[in-house]
Every structure is written in structure tokens, then in C-alpha cells.
Amino acid sequence: MNIEFDLIQDKIEFFEARDLQTLEKKINEQIGHNKSILLAVHSVSHNVSLDEKGHRLYSAVVHFKVK
């Protein structure tokens, strides 16, 4: 039996929250998890939108790559 492990080269993750502090907390938590598999942040894109009631929704896309 042959077992092979492939290293993840890059990964894109999406996050959303009702406030910036929660969004930042979610992203920082995932950064910690991805460090353990040798991925670092390559780029971050973010956006703010309003729902039908006028509440803000913060979202972010984080691209992780191998160090």
C-alpha cells in the first residue's frame, strides 16, 4: 500500500460578519490554522454591502499560499 501526501500550494477562503471586529477575529483564527499547514496570506480583498434592512455586511476573501 502506497500513501502519498501532497502539499496544499494555495487556498482561497471567504469570510463574512456583521461587524469588522468579528470579521477580523474569524480571519485571524484561520490564519493561525493555515500556518500549521505552512500557508501564509498572499492577498486580501474586502467589501461592505447593505442588506434590505440597511444593515451592513462585511465580507473578505483571503488568498493563502505556501511560504
PDB file of N, CA and C in Angstrom:
ATOM      1  N   MET A   1       0.846  -1.176   0.000  1.00  0.00           N
ATOM      2  CA  MET A   1       0.000   0.000   0.000  1.00  0.00           C
ATOM      3  C   MET A   1       0.891   1.238   0.000  1.00  0.00           C
ATOM      4  N   ASN A   2       0.643   2.117  -0.946  1.00  0.00           N
ATOM      5  CA  ASN A   2       1.438   3.318  -1.107  1.00  0.00           C
ATOM      6  C   ASN A   2       0.616   4.539  -0.707  1.00  0.00           C
ATOM      7  N   ILE A   3       1.101   5.296   0.261  1.00  0.00           N
ATOM      8  CA  ILE A   3       0.410   6.507   0.693  1.00  0.00           C
ATOM      9  C   ILE A   3       1.255   7.708   0.292  1.00  0.00           C
ATOM     10  N   GLU A   4       0.623   8.644  -0.419  1.00  0.00           N
ATOM     11  CA  GLU A   4       1.315   9.860  -0.827  1.00  0.00           C
ATOM     12  C   GLU A   4       0.594  11.070  -0.252  1.00  0.00           C
ATOM     13  N   PHE A   5       1.367  12.030   0.200  1.00  0.00           N
ATOM     14  CA  PHE A   5       0.821  13.271   0.723  1.00  0.00           C
ATOM     15  C   PHE A   5       1.234  14.414  -0.196  1.00  0.00           C
ATOM     16  N   ASP A   6       0.260  15.169  -0.647  1.00  0.00           N
ATOM     17  CA  ASP A   6       0.537  16.340  -1.471  1.00  0.00           C
ATOM     18  C   ASP A   6       0.353  17.585  -0.617  1.00  0.00           C
ATOM     19  N   LEU A   7       1.290  18.490  -0.733  1.00  0.00           N
ATOM     20  CA  LEU A   7       1.238  19.743  -0.004  1.00  0.00           C
ATOM     21  C   LEU A   7       0.264  20.692  -0.695  1.00  0.00           C
ATOM     22  N   ILE A   8      -0.598  21.332   0.064  1.00  0.00           N
ATOM     23  CA  ILE A   8      -1.510  22.317  -0.498  1.00  0.00           C
ATOM     24  C   ILE A   8      -0.682  23.536  -0.894  1.00  0.00           C
ATOM     25  N   GLN A   9      -0.790  23.943  -2.151  1.00  0.00           N
ATOM     26  CA  GLN A   9       0.002  25.062  -2.653  1.00  0.00           C
ATOM     27  C   GLN A   9      -0.675  26.411  -2.402  1.00  0.00           C
ATOM     28  N   ASP A  10      -1.975  26.460  -2.607  1.00  0.00           N
ATOM     29  CA  ASP A  10      -2.704  27.688  -2.315  1.00  0.00           C
ATOM     30  C   ASP A  10      -4.161  27.363  -2.008  1.00  0.00           C
ATOM     31  N   LYS A  11      -4.813  28.316  -1.345  1.00  0.00           N
ATOM     32  CA  LYS A  11      -6.159  28.099  -0.830  1.00  0.00           C
ATOM     33  C   LYS A  11      -6.846  29.459  -0.737  1.00  0.00           C
ATOM     34  N   ILE A  12      -8.096  29.518  -1.146  1.00  0.00           N
ATOM     35  CA  ILE A  12      -8.865  30.761  -1.067  1.00  0.00           C
ATOM     36  C   ILE A  12     -10.039  30.530  -0.122  1.00  0.00           C
ATOM     37  N   GLU A  13     -10.201  31.438   0.837  1.00  0.00           N
ATOM     38  CA  GLU A  13     -11.277  31.304   1.816  1.00  0.00           C
ATOM     39  C   GLU A  13     -12.108  32.582   1.857  1.00  0.00           C
ATOM     40  N   PHE A  14     -13.402  32.409   2.132  1.00  0.00           N
ATOM     41  CA  PHE A  14     -14.352  33.514   2.170  1.00  0.00           C
ATOM     42  C   PHE A  14     -14.877  33.681   3.595  1.00  0.00           C
ATOM     43  N   PHE A  15     -15.027  34.924   4.020  1.00  0.00           N
ATOM     44  CA  PHE A  15     -15.496  35.228   5.369  1.00  0.00           C
ATOM     45  C   PHE A  15     -16.556  36.319   5.295  1.00  0.00           C
ATOM     46  N   GLU A  16     -17.504  36.301   6.244  1.00  0.00           N
ATOM     47  CA  GLU A  16     -18.463  37.388   6.353  1.00  0.00           C
ATOM     48  C   GLU A  16     -18.888  37.554   7.800  1.00  0.00           C
ATOM     49  N   ALA A  17     -19.254  38.796   8.145  1.00  0.00           N
ATOM     50  CA  ALA A  17     -19.669  39.097   9.510  1.00  0.00           C
ATOM     51  C   ALA A  17     -20.455  40.405   9.506  1.00  0.00           C
ATOM     52  N   ARG A  18     -21.171  40.647  10.588  1.00  0.00           N
ATOM     53  CA  ARG A  18     -21.970  41.868  10.723  1.00  0.00           C
ATOM     54  C   ARG A  18     -21.154  43.062  11.220  1.00  0.00           C
ATOM     55  N   ASP A  19     -19.939  42.801  11.762  1.00  0.00           N
ATOM     56  CA  ASP A  19     -19.083  43.905  12.204  1.00  0.00           C
ATOM     57  C   ASP A  19     -17.623  43.569  11.909  1.00  0.00           C
ATOM     58  N   LEU A  20     -16.807  44.612  11.833  1.00  0.00           N
ATOM     59  CA  LEU A  20     -15.399  44.429  11.465  1.00  0.00           C
ATOM     60  C   LEU A  20     -14.610  43.617  12.485  1.00  0.00           C
ATOM     61  N   GLN A  21     -14.920  43.788  13.763  1.00  0.00           N
ATOM     62  CA  GLN A  21     -14.181  43.065  14.803  1.00  0.00           C
ATOM     63  C   GLN A  21     -14.382  41.554  14.657  1.00  0.00           C
ATOM     64  N   THR A  22     -15.615  41.138  14.385  1.00  0.00           N
ATOM     65  CA  THR A  22     -15.897  39.711  14.213  1.00  0.00           C
ATOM     66  C   THR A  22     -15.219  39.175  12.955  1.00  0.00           C
ATOM     67  N   LEU A  23     -15.267  39.957  11.885  1.00  0.00           N
ATOM     68  CA  LEU A  23     -14.614  39.545  10.636  1.00  0.00           C
ATOM     69  C   LEU A  23     -13.118  39.371  10.853  1.00  0.00           C
ATOM     70  N   GLU A  24     -12.501  40.339  11.522  1.00  0.00           N
ATOM     71  CA  GLU A  24     -11.066  40.259  11.800  1.00  0.00           C
ATOM     72  C   GLU A  24     -10.731  39.048  12.661  1.00  0.00           C
ATOM     73  N   LYS A  25     -11.564  38.776  13.648  1.00  0.00           N
ATOM     74  CA  LYS A  25     -11.345  37.623  14.528  1.00  0.00           C
ATOM     75  C   LYS A  25     -11.405  36.311  13.734  1.00  0.00           C
ATOM     76  N   LYS A  26     -12.387  36.187  12.842  1.00  0.00           N
ATOM     77  CA  LYS A  26     -12.518  34.977  12.021  1.00  0.00           C
ATOM     78  C   LYS A  26     -11.297  34.784  11.131  1.00  0.00           C
ATOM     79  N   ILE A  27     -10.849  35.877  10.502  1.00  0.00           N
ATOM     80  CA  ILE A  27      -9.699  35.785   9.606  1.00  0.00           C
ATOM     81  C   ILE A  27      -8.435  35.434  10.386  1.00  0.00           C
ATOM     82  N   ASN A  28      -8.206  36.082  11.524  1.00  0.00           N
ATOM     83  CA  ASN A  28      -7.013  35.792  12.330  1.00  0.00           C
ATOM     84  C   ASN A  28      -7.001  34.358  12.834  1.00  0.00           C
ATOM     85  N   GLU A  29      -8.160  33.841  13.187  1.00  0.00           N
ATOM     86  CA  GLU A  29      -8.253  32.443  13.641  1.00  0.00           C
ATOM     87  C   GLU A  29      -7.845  31.502  12.512  1.00  0.00           C
ATOM     88  N   GLN A  30      -8.320  31.783  11.299  1.00  0.00           N
ATOM     89  CA  GLN A  30      -7.985  30.923  10.168  1.00  0.00           C
ATOM     90  C   GLN A  30      -6.527  31.059   9.763  1.00  0.00           C
ATOM     91  N   ILE A  31      -5.957  32.242   9.915  1.00  0.00           N
ATOM     92  CA  ILE A  31      -4.528  32.426   9.645  1.00  0.00           C
ATOM     93  C   ILE A  31      -3.723  31.501  10.544  1.00  0.00           C
ATOM     94  N   GLY A  32      -4.102  31.410  11.817  1.00  0.00           N
ATOM     95  CA  GLY A  32      -3.419  30.514  12.746  1.00  0.00           C
ATOM     96  C   GLY A  32      -3.521  29.059  12.319  1.00  0.00           C
ATOM     97  N   HIS A  33      -4.703  28.636  11.867  1.00  0.00           N
ATOM     98  CA  HIS A  33      -4.884  27.250  11.403  1.00  0.00           C
ATOM     99  C   HIS A  33      -4.036  26.975  10.162  1.00  0.00           C
ATOM    100  N   ASN A  34      -4.018  27.940   9.247  1.00  0.00           N
ATOM    101  CA  ASN A  34      -3.294  27.720   7.998  1.00  0.00           C
ATOM    102  C   ASN A  34      -1.780  27.779   8.172  1.00  0.00           C
ATOM    103  N   LYS A  35      -1.302  28.460   9.211  1.00  0.00           N
ATOM    104  CA  LYS A  35       0.143  28.452   9.488  1.00  0.00           C
ATOM    105  C   LYS A  35       0.622  27.039   9.777  1.00  0.00           C
ATOM    106  N   SER A  36      -0.238  26.248  10.411  1.00  0.00           N
ATOM    107  CA  SER A  36       0.159  24.877  10.756  1.00  0.00           C
ATOM    108  C   SER A  36       0.325  23.998   9.518  1.00  0.00           C
ATOM    109  N   ILE A  37      -0.283  24.384   8.400  1.00  0.00           N
ATOM    110  CA  ILE A  37      -0.074  23.640   7.152  1.00  0.00           C
ATOM    111  C   ILE A  37       0.779  24.456   6.173  1.00  0.00           C
ATOM    112  N   LEU A  38       1.576  25.370   6.747  1.00  0.00           N
ATOM    113  CA  LEU A  38       2.595  26.138   6.035  1.00  0.00           C
ATOM    114  C   LEU A  38       2.041  27.083   4.967  1.00  0.00           C
ATOM    115  N   LEU A  39       0.843  27.612   5.197  1.00  0.00           N
ATOM    116  CA  LEU A  39       0.271  28.597   4.288  1.00  0.00           C
ATOM    117  C   LEU A  39       0.314  29.977   4.927  1.00  0.00           C
ATOM    118  N   ALA A  40       0.632  30.987   4.129  1.00  0.00           N
ATOM    119  CA  ALA A  40       0.668  32.367   4.605  1.00  0.00           C
ATOM    120  C   ALA A  40      -0.266  33.204   3.733  1.00  0.00           C
ATOM    121  N   VAL A  41      -0.674  34.347   4.240  1.00  0.00           N
ATOM    122  CA  VAL A  41      -1.570  35.225   3.496  1.00  0.00           C
ATOM    123  C   VAL A  41      -0.833  35.809   2.296  1.00  0.00           C
ATOM    124  N   HIS A  42      -1.433  35.667   1.138  1.00  0.00           N
ATOM    125  CA  HIS A  42      -0.882  36.234  -0.103  1.00  0.00           C
ATOM    126  C   HIS A  42      -1.603  37.545  -0.439  1.00  0.00           C
ATOM    127  N   SER A  43      -2.926  37.556  -0.315  1.00  0.00           N
ATOM    128  CA  SER A  43      -3.683  38.779  -0.577  1.00  0.00           C
ATOM    129  C   SER A  43      -5.035  38.730   0.140  1.00  0.00           C
ATOM    130  N   VAL A  44      -5.601  39.922   0.340  1.00  0.00           N
ATOM    131  CA  VAL A  44      -6.901  40.059   0.995  1.00  0.00           C
ATOM    132  C   VAL A  44      -7.729  41.070   0.200  1.00  0.00           C
ATOM    133  N   SER A  45      -8.969  40.718  -0.067  1.00  0.00           N
ATOM    134  CA  SER A  45      -9.930  41.645  -0.673  1.00  0.00           C
ATOM    135  C   SER A  45     -11.117  41.740   0.267  1.00  0.00           C
ATOM    136  N   HIS A  46     -11.685  42.922   0.388  1.00  0.00           N
ATOM    137  CA  HIS A  46     -12.817  43.063   1.300  1.00  0.00           C
ATOM    138  C   HIS A  46     -13.883  43.954   0.691  1.00  0.00           C
ATOM    139  N   ASN A  47     -15.087  43.850   1.253  1.00  0.00           N
ATOM    140  CA  ASN A  47     -16.222  44.577   0.717  1.00  0.00           C
ATOM    141  C   ASN A  47     -17.242  44.810   1.827  1.00  0.00           C
ATOM    142  N   VAL A  48     -18.028  45.876   1.687  1.00  0.00           N
ATOM    143  CA  VAL A  48     -19.133  46.157   2.599  1.00  0.00           C
ATOM    144  C   VAL A  48     -20.389  46.295   1.746  1.00  0.00           C
ATOM    145  N   SER A  49     -21.442  45.622   2.153  1.00  0.00           N
ATOM    146  CA  SER A  49     -22.708  45.756   1.438  1.00  0.00           C
ATOM    147  C   SER A  49     -23.826  45.959   2.446  1.00  0.00           C
ATOM    148  N   LEU A  50     -24.954  46.416   1.960  1.00  0.00           N
ATOM    149  CA  LEU A  50     -26.127  46.643   2.802  1.00  0.00           C
ATOM    150  C   LEU A  50     -27.211  45.648   2.434  1.00  0.00           C
ATOM    151  N   ASP A  51     -27.868  45.083   3.457  1.00  0.00           N
ATOM    152  CA  ASP A  51     -28.997  44.206   3.169  1.00  0.00           C
ATOM    153  C   ASP A  51     -30.258  45.040   2.980  1.00  0.00           C
ATOM    154  N   GLU A  52     -31.387  44.389   2.789  1.00  0.00           N
ATOM    155  CA  GLU A  52     -32.629  45.102   2.506  1.00  0.00           C
ATOM    156  C   GLU A  52     -33.118  45.975   3.666  1.00  0.00           C
ATOM    157  N   LYS A  53     -32.624  45.696   4.878  1.00  0.00           N
ATOM    158  CA  LYS A  53     -32.996  46.491   6.047  1.00  0.00           C
ATOM    159  C   LYS A  53     -31.982  47.596   6.352  1.00  0.00           C
ATOM    160  N   GLY A  54     -30.933  47.687   5.540  1.00  0.00           N
ATOM    161  CA  GLY A  54     -29.918  48.708   5.734  1.00  0.00           C
ATOM    162  C   GLY A  54     -28.794  48.310   6.676  1.00  0.00           C
ATOM    163  N   HIS A  55     -28.742  47.038   7.076  1.00  0.00           N
ATOM    164  CA  HIS A  55     -27.661  46.558   7.936  1.00  0.00           C
ATOM    165  C   HIS A  55     -26.428  46.270   7.097  1.00  0.00           C
ATOM    166  N   ARG A  56     -25.281  46.582   7.641  1.00  0.00           N
ATOM    167  CA  ARG A  56     -24.020  46.335   6.939  1.00  0.00           C
ATOM    168  C   ARG A  56     -23.617  44.874   7.048  1.00  0.00           C
ATOM    169  N   LEU A  57     -23.050  44.365   5.963  1.00  0.00           N
ATOM    170  CA  LEU A  57     -22.480  43.024   5.940  1.00  0.00           C
ATOM    171  C   LEU A  57     -21.063  43.156   5.386  1.00  0.00           C
ATOM    172  N   TYR A  58     -20.090  42.811   6.209  1.00  0.00           N
ATOM    173  CA  TYR A  58     -18.683  42.885   5.822  1.00  0.00           C
ATOM    174  C   TYR A  58     -18.256  41.506   5.313  1.00  0.00           C
ATOM    175  N   SER A  59     -17.538  41.496   4.218  1.00  0.00           N
ATOM    176  CA  SER A  59     -17.043  40.234   3.675  1.00  0.00           C
ATOM    177  C   SER A  59     -15.590  40.391   3.249  1.00  0.00           C
ATOM    178  N   ALA A  60     -14.904  39.276   3.205  1.00  0.00           N
ATOM    179  CA  ALA A  60     -13.497  39.284   2.802  1.00  0.00           C
ATOM    180  C   ALA A  60     -13.153  37.981   2.118  1.00  0.00           C
ATOM    181  N   VAL A  61     -12.230  38.073   1.168  1.00  0.00           N
ATOM    182  CA  VAL A  61     -11.666  36.919   0.503  1.00  0.00           C
ATOM    183  C   VAL A  61     -10.174  36.937   0.795  1.00  0.00           C
ATOM    184  N   VAL A  62      -9.681  35.839   1.361  1.00  0.00           N
ATOM    185  CA  VAL A  62      -8.269  35.752   1.717  1.00  0.00           C
ATOM    186  C   VAL A  62      -7.633  34.629   0.905  1.00  0.00           C
ATOM    187  N   HIS A  63      -6.554  34.978   0.190  1.00  0.00           N
ATOM    188  CA  HIS A  63      -5.811  34.012  -0.607  1.00  0.00           C
ATOM    189  C   HIS A  63      -4.564  33.614   0.172  1.00  0.00           C
ATOM    190  N   PHE A  64      -4.464  32.341   0.506  1.00  0.00           N
ATOM    191  CA  PHE A  64      -3.311  31.789   1.212  1.00  0.00           C
ATOM    192  C   PHE A  64      -2.434  31.047   0.218  1.00  0.00           C
ATOM    193  N   LYS A  65      -1.102  31.182   0.388  1.00  0.00           N
ATOM    194  CA  LYS A  65      -0.153  30.464  -0.467  1.00  0.00           C
ATOM    195  C   LYS A  65       0.954  29.864   0.402  1.00  0.00           C
ATOM    196  N   VAL A  66       1.625  28.890  -0.158  1.00  0.00           N
ATOM    197  CA  VAL A  66       2.762  28.269   0.518  1.00  0.00           C
ATOM    198  C   VAL A  66       3.849  29.309   0.709  1.00  0.00           C
ATOM    199  N   LYS A  67       4.495  29.266   1.873  1.00  0.00           N
ATOM    200  CA  LYS A  67       5.598  30.202   2.150  1.00  0.00           C
ATOM    201  C   LYS A  67       6.775  29.922   1.258  1.00  0.00           C
TER     202      LYS A  67
END
